[in-house]
Amino acid sequence: MFRSKRSIMSLLVVTGALMGQAARAAAPEAIVTPVMTKPLDDYPGKEALMITVEYPPGSVDPVHRHYAHGFIYVLEGSIVMQVRGGKEVTLKPGQSFYEGPNDVHTVGRNASQTQPARFLVVFLKDKGSPILVPEK
């Protein structure tokens, strides 16, 4: 009987983990729109990149990093953000968030399952470096 209960619990844990992965995989992706890129002549090898990001309802980002200073400003809707070692925060229009070049972005998602969210991001980064690097 004990072995049977343990097997059932193991099956439930594995099933729950797979369902969580499937839900993330099925979540709508963020829509990223470049606004401008500007070389920073006073800082050789650096550039500023400005983008807007729209999270459709239920959108969830994968765990990632930017290797940049990232300044986030919420335009509409509500988003949830967290970096490794930091607190999870829910942001509304007019609120901001910062990510440093060594931060791992562990939570990035729309707080709503029914309304979109949109925010502006300014990155200060190395010229030509990728905007997002998935974290394993």
N, C-alpha and C. Protein backbone atom coordinates (compact mmCIF):
# COMPACT_ATOMS: atom_id res chain seq x y z
N MET A 1 0.82 -1.20 0.00
CA MET A 1 0.00 0.00 0.00
C MET A 1 0.87 1.26 0.00
N PHE A 2 1.93 1.30 0.84
CA PHE A 2 2.81 2.45 0.91
C PHE A 2 3.47 2.70 -0.44
N ARG A 3 3.94 1.64 -1.08
CA ARG A 3 4.59 1.76 -2.39
C ARG A 3 3.60 2.32 -3.41
N SER A 4 2.36 1.91 -3.36
CA SER A 4 1.33 2.37 -4.28
C SER A 4 1.07 3.87 -4.10
N LYS A 5 0.99 4.34 -2.86
CA LYS A 5 0.77 5.76 -2.60
C LYS A 5 1.95 6.59 -3.09
N ARG A 6 3.17 6.08 -2.86
CA ARG A 6 4.35 6.80 -3.31
C ARG A 6 4.39 6.88 -4.83
N SER A 7 3.99 5.81 -5.50
CA SER A 7 3.95 5.81 -6.97
C SER A 7 2.93 6.82 -7.48
N ILE A 8 1.79 6.87 -6.83
CA ILE A 8 0.75 7.81 -7.24
C ILE A 8 1.23 9.25 -7.03
N MET A 9 1.88 9.52 -5.90
CA MET A 9 2.39 10.86 -5.62
C MET A 9 3.46 11.24 -6.66
N SER A 10 4.34 10.32 -7.00
CA SER A 10 5.37 10.60 -8.00
C SER A 10 4.73 10.91 -9.34
N LEU A 11 3.73 10.14 -9.71
CA LEU A 11 3.02 10.37 -10.96
C LEU A 11 2.36 11.75 -10.97
N LEU A 12 1.75 12.14 -9.86
CA LEU A 12 1.11 13.46 -9.77
C LEU A 12 2.13 14.59 -9.90
N VAL A 13 3.28 14.44 -9.27
CA VAL A 13 4.32 15.47 -9.35
C VAL A 13 4.81 15.61 -10.79
N VAL A 14 5.09 14.50 -11.45
CA VAL A 14 5.56 14.53 -12.83
C VAL A 14 4.49 15.11 -13.75
N THR A 15 3.24 14.70 -13.56
CA THR A 15 2.14 15.20 -14.38
C THR A 15 1.99 16.71 -14.19
N GLY A 16 2.08 17.18 -12.95
CA GLY A 16 1.97 18.62 -12.68
C GLY A 16 3.09 19.39 -13.35
N ALA A 17 4.30 18.87 -13.30
CA ALA A 17 5.43 19.55 -13.94
C ALA A 17 5.24 19.61 -15.45
N LEU A 18 4.80 18.52 -16.05
CA LEU A 18 4.56 18.50 -17.50
C LEU A 18 3.44 19.45 -17.89
N MET A 19 2.39 19.52 -17.08
CA MET A 19 1.29 20.44 -17.38
C MET A 19 1.76 21.88 -17.30
N GLY A 20 2.63 22.20 -16.34
CA GLY A 20 3.18 23.55 -16.22
C GLY A 20 4.01 23.90 -17.44
N GLN A 21 4.82 22.96 -17.93
CA GLN A 21 5.62 23.19 -19.13
C GLN A 21 4.72 23.38 -20.34
N ALA A 22 3.68 22.59 -20.45
CA ALA A 22 2.75 22.70 -21.58
C ALA A 22 2.03 24.05 -21.55
N ALA A 23 1.63 24.49 -20.37
CA ALA A 23 0.94 25.79 -20.26
C ALA A 23 1.87 26.91 -20.69
N ARG A 24 3.15 26.87 -20.27
CA ARG A 24 4.10 27.91 -20.68
C ARG A 24 4.32 27.85 -22.19
N ALA A 25 4.41 26.65 -22.72
CA ALA A 25 4.64 26.50 -24.16
C ALA A 25 3.44 27.01 -24.95
N ALA A 26 2.23 26.88 -24.41
CA ALA A 26 1.03 27.29 -25.12
C ALA A 26 0.71 28.77 -24.91
N ALA A 27 1.37 29.43 -23.97
CA ALA A 27 1.10 30.84 -23.68
C ALA A 27 1.50 31.69 -24.89
N PRO A 28 0.70 32.72 -25.21
CA PRO A 28 1.05 33.58 -26.34
C PRO A 28 2.37 34.31 -26.09
N GLU A 29 3.16 34.48 -27.13
CA GLU A 29 4.46 35.13 -27.01
C GLU A 29 4.32 36.64 -26.98
N ALA A 30 5.29 37.28 -26.36
CA ALA A 30 5.35 38.74 -26.33
C ALA A 30 5.59 39.27 -27.74
N ILE A 31 5.07 40.45 -28.02
CA ILE A 31 5.27 41.11 -29.30
C ILE A 31 6.24 42.27 -29.05
N VAL A 32 7.43 42.17 -29.65
CA VAL A 32 8.48 43.17 -29.44
C VAL A 32 8.58 44.05 -30.68
N THR A 33 8.52 45.38 -30.46
CA THR A 33 8.61 46.34 -31.55
C THR A 33 9.79 47.28 -31.30
N PRO A 34 10.80 47.25 -32.19
CA PRO A 34 11.91 48.19 -32.03
C PRO A 34 11.43 49.62 -32.22
N VAL A 35 11.91 50.54 -31.40
CA VAL A 35 11.58 51.95 -31.52
C VAL A 35 12.78 52.71 -32.07
N MET A 36 13.96 52.52 -31.45
CA MET A 36 15.17 53.15 -31.96
C MET A 36 16.41 52.51 -31.34
N THR A 37 17.52 52.64 -32.08
CA THR A 37 18.83 52.25 -31.59
C THR A 37 19.74 53.45 -31.79
N LYS A 38 20.54 53.76 -30.77
CA LYS A 38 21.42 54.93 -30.85
C LYS A 38 22.79 54.58 -30.28
N PRO A 39 23.85 54.64 -31.14
CA PRO A 39 25.19 54.45 -30.60
C PRO A 39 25.48 55.54 -29.57
N LEU A 40 26.19 55.19 -28.52
CA LEU A 40 26.54 56.15 -27.47
C LEU A 40 28.00 56.53 -27.65
N ASP A 41 28.23 57.58 -28.42
CA ASP A 41 29.59 57.98 -28.79
C ASP A 41 30.48 58.27 -27.58
N ASP A 42 29.89 58.75 -26.50
CA ASP A 42 30.66 59.02 -25.29
C ASP A 42 31.08 57.74 -24.56
N TYR A 43 30.47 56.62 -24.95
CA TYR A 43 30.76 55.32 -24.34
C TYR A 43 31.08 54.34 -25.48
N PRO A 44 32.32 54.34 -25.95
CA PRO A 44 32.69 53.49 -27.09
C PRO A 44 32.26 52.04 -26.91
N GLY A 45 31.67 51.50 -27.97
CA GLY A 45 31.22 50.11 -27.95
C GLY A 45 29.85 49.90 -27.32
N LYS A 46 29.19 50.97 -26.88
CA LYS A 46 27.88 50.86 -26.22
C LYS A 46 26.80 51.51 -27.08
N GLU A 47 25.57 51.06 -26.88
CA GLU A 47 24.42 51.64 -27.56
C GLU A 47 23.20 51.60 -26.67
N ALA A 48 22.25 52.47 -26.97
CA ALA A 48 20.94 52.44 -26.32
C ALA A 48 19.96 51.83 -27.30
N LEU A 49 19.11 50.98 -26.81
CA LEU A 49 18.07 50.35 -27.63
C LEU A 49 16.75 50.55 -26.92
N MET A 50 15.77 51.08 -27.65
CA MET A 50 14.44 51.29 -27.08
C MET A 50 13.45 50.40 -27.84
N ILE A 51 12.64 49.68 -27.08
CA ILE A 51 11.62 48.80 -27.66
C ILE A 51 10.31 48.97 -26.89
N THR A 52 9.23 48.56 -27.53
CA THR A 52 7.99 48.36 -26.79
C THR A 52 7.72 46.87 -26.78
N VAL A 53 7.10 46.40 -25.71
CA VAL A 53 6.74 45.00 -25.57
C VAL A 53 5.26 44.94 -25.24
N GLU A 54 4.55 44.11 -25.98
CA GLU A 54 3.15 43.86 -25.64
C GLU A 54 3.02 42.41 -25.22
N TYR A 55 2.46 42.23 -24.03
CA TYR A 55 2.13 40.90 -23.56
C TYR A 55 0.65 40.68 -23.85
N PRO A 56 0.32 39.76 -24.75
CA PRO A 56 -1.09 39.40 -24.90
C PRO A 56 -1.59 38.79 -23.58
N PRO A 57 -2.89 38.69 -23.40
CA PRO A 57 -3.41 38.06 -22.18
C PRO A 57 -2.77 36.68 -21.98
N GLY A 58 -2.29 36.43 -20.77
CA GLY A 58 -1.70 35.13 -20.45
C GLY A 58 -0.26 34.93 -20.91
N SER A 59 0.35 35.95 -21.51
CA SER A 59 1.71 35.83 -22.02
C SER A 59 2.72 35.64 -20.88
N VAL A 60 3.70 34.74 -21.11
CA VAL A 60 4.75 34.44 -20.13
C VAL A 60 6.08 34.37 -20.86
N ASP A 61 7.08 35.09 -20.34
CA ASP A 61 8.43 35.02 -20.91
C ASP A 61 9.17 33.80 -20.37
N PRO A 62 10.10 33.26 -21.16
CA PRO A 62 10.98 32.22 -20.62
C PRO A 62 12.00 32.88 -19.69
N VAL A 63 12.64 32.10 -18.85
CA VAL A 63 13.73 32.62 -18.01
C VAL A 63 14.85 33.04 -18.96
N HIS A 64 15.39 34.26 -18.73
CA HIS A 64 16.39 34.80 -19.64
C HIS A 64 17.24 35.87 -18.95
N ARG A 65 18.19 36.38 -19.70
CA ARG A 65 18.98 37.53 -19.25
C ARG A 65 19.22 38.44 -20.43
N HIS A 66 19.66 39.66 -20.14
CA HIS A 66 19.88 40.64 -21.20
C HIS A 66 21.33 41.08 -21.34
N TYR A 67 22.15 40.87 -20.35
CA TYR A 67 23.52 41.39 -20.33
C TYR A 67 23.53 42.88 -20.66
N ALA A 68 22.58 43.59 -20.07
CA ALA A 68 22.40 45.03 -20.31
C ALA A 68 21.73 45.64 -19.09
N HIS A 69 21.80 46.96 -19.02
CA HIS A 69 20.97 47.69 -18.06
C HIS A 69 19.61 47.84 -18.74
N GLY A 70 18.55 47.39 -18.08
CA GLY A 70 17.21 47.48 -18.66
C GLY A 70 16.30 48.30 -17.78
N PHE A 71 15.69 49.31 -18.39
CA PHE A 71 14.77 50.20 -17.68
C PHE A 71 13.38 49.99 -18.27
N ILE A 72 12.44 49.48 -17.48
CA ILE A 72 11.10 49.11 -17.93
C ILE A 72 10.11 50.13 -17.38
N TYR A 73 9.20 50.59 -18.25
CA TYR A 73 8.17 51.55 -17.85
C TYR A 73 6.83 51.04 -18.39
N VAL A 74 5.88 50.79 -17.51
CA VAL A 74 4.59 50.21 -17.93
C VAL A 74 3.69 51.30 -18.51
N LEU A 75 3.17 51.02 -19.71
CA LEU A 75 2.29 51.95 -20.41
C LEU A 75 0.81 51.62 -20.19
N GLU A 76 0.50 50.33 -20.25
CA GLU A 76 -0.90 49.91 -20.03
C GLU A 76 -0.95 48.49 -19.54
N GLY A 77 -2.03 48.17 -18.84
CA GLY A 77 -2.19 46.83 -18.28
C GLY A 77 -1.35 46.67 -17.02
N SER A 78 -1.06 45.43 -16.70
CA SER A 78 -0.32 45.11 -15.48
C SER A 78 0.60 43.94 -15.78
N ILE A 79 1.85 44.06 -15.33
CA ILE A 79 2.84 43.01 -15.57
C ILE A 79 3.46 42.56 -14.26
N VAL A 80 3.98 41.34 -14.26
CA VAL A 80 4.67 40.78 -13.10
C VAL A 80 6.12 40.55 -13.50
N MET A 81 7.06 41.06 -12.69
CA MET A 81 8.48 40.95 -12.98
C MET A 81 9.22 40.46 -11.75
N GLN A 82 10.33 39.76 -11.99
CA GLN A 82 11.22 39.32 -10.92
C GLN A 82 12.56 38.95 -11.52
N VAL A 83 13.62 39.31 -10.81
CA VAL A 83 14.96 38.82 -11.14
C VAL A 83 15.41 37.89 -10.03
N ARG A 84 16.30 36.96 -10.37
CA ARG A 84 16.77 35.99 -9.38
C ARG A 84 17.29 36.71 -8.14
N GLY A 85 16.79 36.27 -6.99
CA GLY A 85 17.19 36.87 -5.72
C GLY A 85 16.37 38.08 -5.32
N GLY A 86 15.50 38.55 -6.21
CA GLY A 86 14.67 39.72 -5.91
C GLY A 86 13.24 39.31 -5.63
N LYS A 87 12.43 40.28 -5.25
CA LYS A 87 11.01 40.03 -4.99
C LYS A 87 10.21 40.09 -6.28
N GLU A 88 9.18 39.28 -6.37
CA GLU A 88 8.24 39.37 -7.47
C GLU A 88 7.41 40.63 -7.25
N VAL A 89 7.29 41.46 -8.29
CA VAL A 89 6.51 42.69 -8.18
C VAL A 89 5.49 42.76 -9.31
N THR A 90 4.34 43.32 -8.99
CA THR A 90 3.30 43.57 -9.99
C THR A 90 3.30 45.07 -10.26
N LEU A 91 3.44 45.42 -11.53
CA LEU A 91 3.56 46.81 -11.94
C LEU A 91 2.36 47.24 -12.77
N LYS A 92 1.93 48.47 -12.55
CA LYS A 92 0.80 49.07 -13.27
C LYS A 92 1.30 50.27 -14.06
N PRO A 93 0.46 50.85 -14.92
CA PRO A 93 0.89 52.00 -15.72
C PRO A 93 1.53 53.09 -14.86
N GLY A 94 2.67 53.60 -15.35
CA GLY A 94 3.40 54.64 -14.65
C GLY A 94 4.45 54.10 -13.70
N GLN A 95 4.49 52.78 -13.48
CA GLN A 95 5.49 52.20 -12.59
C GLN A 95 6.65 51.65 -13.42
N SER A 96 7.81 51.48 -12.76
CA SER A 96 9.00 51.06 -13.48
C SER A 96 9.73 49.93 -12.76
N PHE A 97 10.67 49.34 -13.48
CA PHE A 97 11.44 48.19 -13.00
C PHE A 97 12.82 48.27 -13.63
N TYR A 98 13.82 47.79 -12.92
CA TYR A 98 15.20 47.80 -13.43
C TYR A 98 15.78 46.39 -13.39
N GLU A 99 16.52 46.06 -14.44
CA GLU A 99 17.30 44.81 -14.50
C GLU A 99 18.73 45.18 -14.81
N GLY A 100 19.67 44.62 -14.07
CA GLY A 100 21.08 44.88 -14.32
C GLY A 100 21.69 43.85 -15.27
N PRO A 101 22.89 44.12 -15.76
CA PRO A 101 23.52 43.23 -16.73
C PRO A 101 23.84 41.83 -16.20
N ASN A 102 23.88 41.67 -14.88
CA ASN A 102 24.16 40.34 -14.32
C ASN A 102 22.90 39.64 -13.81
N ASP A 103 21.75 40.29 -13.95
CA ASP A 103 20.49 39.70 -13.46
C ASP A 103 19.97 38.62 -14.39
N VAL A 104 19.34 37.62 -13.79
CA VAL A 104 18.59 36.61 -14.54
C VAL A 104 17.13 36.93 -14.32
N HIS A 105 16.42 37.16 -15.41
CA HIS A 105 15.01 37.53 -15.37
C HIS A 105 14.19 36.23 -15.23
N THR A 106 13.74 35.95 -14.00
CA THR A 106 13.07 34.68 -13.73
C THR A 106 11.56 34.74 -13.94
N VAL A 107 10.96 35.94 -13.79
CA VAL A 107 9.52 36.09 -14.01
C VAL A 107 9.28 37.32 -14.87
N GLY A 108 8.56 37.13 -15.95
CA GLY A 108 8.11 38.21 -16.81
C GLY A 108 6.81 37.74 -17.43
N ARG A 109 5.70 38.35 -17.00
CA ARG A 109 4.42 37.88 -17.54
C ARG A 109 3.34 38.95 -17.40
N ASN A 110 2.30 38.74 -18.17
CA ASN A 110 1.11 39.58 -18.05
C ASN A 110 0.38 39.13 -16.79
N ALA A 111 -0.03 40.09 -15.97
CA ALA A 111 -0.76 39.75 -14.74
C ALA A 111 -2.20 39.36 -15.04
N SER A 112 -2.65 39.62 -16.28
CA SER A 112 -4.05 39.35 -16.64
C SER A 112 -4.15 38.22 -17.67
N GLN A 113 -5.19 37.44 -17.52
CA GLN A 113 -5.52 36.41 -18.52
C GLN A 113 -6.51 36.93 -19.56
N THR A 114 -6.98 38.19 -19.39
CA THR A 114 -8.02 38.72 -20.28
C THR A 114 -7.65 40.04 -20.96
N GLN A 115 -6.68 40.78 -20.40
CA GLN A 115 -6.31 42.09 -20.95
C GLN A 115 -4.84 42.11 -21.36
N PRO A 116 -4.51 42.79 -22.47
CA PRO A 116 -3.10 42.91 -22.84
C PRO A 116 -2.37 43.88 -21.91
N ALA A 117 -1.06 43.84 -21.93
CA ALA A 117 -0.22 44.78 -21.19
C ALA A 117 0.86 45.26 -22.15
N ARG A 118 1.27 46.51 -21.99
CA ARG A 118 2.28 47.07 -22.88
C ARG A 118 3.26 47.90 -22.06
N PHE A 119 4.55 47.76 -22.39
CA PHE A 119 5.57 48.53 -21.67
C PHE A 119 6.71 48.91 -22.59
N LEU A 120 7.40 49.96 -22.17
CA LEU A 120 8.55 50.49 -22.90
C LEU A 120 9.81 50.02 -22.18
N VAL A 121 10.83 49.63 -22.95
CA VAL A 121 12.09 49.20 -22.36
C VAL A 121 13.23 49.96 -23.04
N VAL A 122 14.14 50.48 -22.23
CA VAL A 122 15.37 51.08 -22.74
C VAL A 122 16.52 50.23 -22.21
N PHE A 123 17.32 49.71 -23.13
CA PHE A 123 18.50 48.92 -22.78
C PHE A 123 19.75 49.74 -23.05
N LEU A 124 20.70 49.71 -22.16
CA LEU A 124 22.04 50.23 -22.40
C LEU A 124 22.93 49.00 -22.46
N LYS A 125 23.51 48.74 -23.66
CA LYS A 125 24.17 47.46 -23.89
C LYS A 125 25.36 47.59 -24.82
N ASP A 126 26.10 46.49 -24.97
CA ASP A 126 27.18 46.45 -25.94
C ASP A 126 26.59 46.50 -27.34
N LYS A 127 27.24 47.25 -28.24
CA LYS A 127 26.78 47.34 -29.63
C LYS A 127 26.68 45.95 -30.25
N GLY A 128 25.55 45.69 -30.88
CA GLY A 128 25.35 44.44 -31.60
C GLY A 128 25.08 43.22 -30.75
N SER A 129 25.10 43.35 -29.43
CA SER A 129 24.84 42.17 -28.59
C SER A 129 23.35 41.82 -28.66
N PRO A 130 23.02 40.53 -28.46
CA PRO A 130 21.60 40.14 -28.54
C PRO A 130 20.78 40.80 -27.44
N ILE A 131 19.52 41.02 -27.74
CA ILE A 131 18.63 41.68 -26.80
C ILE A 131 18.22 40.73 -25.67
N LEU A 132 18.15 39.44 -25.96
CA LEU A 132 17.68 38.46 -24.97
C LEU A 132 18.46 37.17 -25.16
N VAL A 133 18.92 36.60 -24.04
CA VAL A 133 19.64 35.32 -24.07
C VAL A 133 18.90 34.36 -23.16
N PRO A 134 18.32 33.27 -23.73
CA PRO A 134 17.62 32.30 -22.87
C PRO A 134 18.56 31.71 -21.82
N GLU A 135 18.04 31.50 -20.65
CA GLU A 135 18.81 30.91 -19.55
C GLU A 135 18.39 29.46 -19.40
N LYS A 136 19.33 28.58 -19.22
CA LYS A 136 19.02 27.15 -19.13
C LYS A 136 18.72 26.73 -17.74
